[in-house]
Protein backbone atom coordinates (compact mmCIF):
# COMPACT_ATOMS: atom_id res chain seq x y z
CA MET A 1 -10.52 -13.86 -5.74
CA PRO A 2 -10.22 -11.52 -8.81
CA THR A 3 -11.98 -12.84 -12.02
CA ASN A 4 -10.11 -10.44 -14.33
CA ILE A 5 -6.31 -10.37 -13.75
CA GLN A 6 -5.11 -6.89 -14.17
CA THR A 7 -2.32 -6.59 -11.85
CA LEU A 8 0.63 -8.57 -10.53
CA GLY A 9 -1.31 -8.87 -7.22
CA ASP A 10 -4.23 -10.45 -8.83
CA LEU A 11 -2.06 -12.95 -10.62
CA ILE A 12 -0.30 -13.94 -7.30
CA GLN A 13 -3.56 -14.37 -5.68
CA VAL A 14 -5.17 -16.49 -8.64
CA LYS A 15 -2.11 -18.72 -8.95
CA ARG A 16 -2.01 -19.23 -5.19
CA TYR A 17 -5.82 -20.25 -5.10
CA GLU A 18 -5.18 -22.59 -8.09
CA LYS A 19 -2.24 -24.26 -6.32
CA GLY A 20 -4.45 -24.62 -3.25
CA PHE A 21 -2.11 -22.60 -1.04
CA THR A 22 -3.28 -20.28 1.87
CA ARG A 23 -1.30 -17.03 2.31
CA GLY A 24 0.28 -18.56 5.32
CA GLN A 25 1.54 -21.68 3.35
CA LEU A 26 3.00 -19.52 0.54
CA ALA A 27 4.70 -17.44 2.95
CA ALA A 28 6.02 -20.50 5.02
CA LYS A 29 7.39 -21.85 1.64
CA MET A 30 9.03 -18.82 0.72
CA GLY A 31 10.38 -17.93 4.29
CA ILE A 32 8.36 -14.57 4.56
CA ALA A 33 5.77 -13.03 6.57
CA VAL A 34 2.21 -13.50 5.65
CA ALA A 35 1.84 -9.83 5.77
CA LYS A 36 4.11 -9.61 2.72
CA VAL A 37 1.89 -11.88 0.76
CA LYS A 38 -1.07 -9.87 1.61
CA ALA A 39 0.62 -6.66 0.70
CA TRP A 40 1.47 -8.22 -2.78
CA GLU A 41 -2.02 -9.32 -3.37
CA SER A 42 -3.54 -6.05 -2.51
CA ASN A 43 -0.88 -4.30 -4.58
CA MET A 44 0.61 -2.33 -1.63
CA GLU A 45 4.10 -3.81 -2.30
CA ARG A 46 5.64 -5.72 -5.17
CA PRO A 47 7.88 -8.72 -4.86
CA ASN A 48 11.75 -8.05 -5.34
CA GLN A 49 13.63 -10.01 -7.80
CA GLN A 50 14.59 -12.82 -5.49
CA GLU A 51 10.84 -13.23 -4.44
CA MET A 52 9.79 -13.07 -8.07
CA THR A 53 12.34 -15.92 -8.94
CA GLN A 54 10.84 -17.97 -5.92
CA LEU A 55 7.31 -17.52 -7.40
CA LYS A 56 8.25 -18.77 -10.68
CA GLY A 57 9.16 -21.89 -8.93
CA PHE A 58 5.88 -22.30 -7.08
CA PHE A 59 3.60 -21.30 -10.06
CA GLU A 60 3.66 -21.44 -13.94
CA LYS A 61 6.97 -20.36 -14.83
CA GLU A 62 6.03 -18.79 -18.13
CA HIS A 63 3.67 -16.27 -16.49
CA PHE A 64 6.14 -15.21 -13.86
CA SER A 65 9.01 -15.07 -16.50
CA ARG A 66 7.20 -12.49 -18.36
CA LEU A 67 6.36 -10.61 -15.31
CA LEU A 68 9.71 -10.61 -14.01
CA ASP A 69 11.07 -9.47 -17.41
CA TYR A 70 8.43 -6.54 -17.31
CA GLU A 71 9.39 -5.72 -13.69
CA LEU A 72 13.07 -5.45 -14.66
CA GLY A 73 12.13 -3.41 -17.73
CA ILE A 74 13.04 -6.00 -20.29
CA ASP A 75 11.12 -6.13 -23.69
CA CYS A 76 10.49 -9.87 -23.89
CA LYS A 77 10.29 -10.02 -27.56
CA PHE A 78 13.41 -8.01 -28.40
CA GLY A 79 15.33 -7.88 -25.23
CA LEU A 80 15.28 -4.14 -25.06
CA SER A 81 14.68 -2.00 -22.00
CA THR A 82 11.08 -0.88 -21.78
CA VAL A 83 12.11 1.70 -19.05
CA PRO A 84 12.34 5.27 -20.63
CA GLU A 85 15.74 6.73 -20.55
CA ASP A 86 16.12 10.34 -19.05
CA GLU A 87 16.18 12.97 -21.63
CA PRO A 88 19.51 14.96 -21.77
């Protein structure tokens, strides 16, 4: 288990451990394959918006709200897009 959370995958893994869920239990609760949870935790894939919303329900909502905003490119403080626009 990571001791220094640096990625979304690290956070998912740490929060899963804190709740006492195995990968299989989390996958079953979300209706997804265990391989998907493993891919998230190893940073090979990222949860989609619906999956992020489900994760917010299982874990501390504040952490995942911030991550979901980041993933969607929304500046949490000002509500502005953090995704750079293409230059003309």
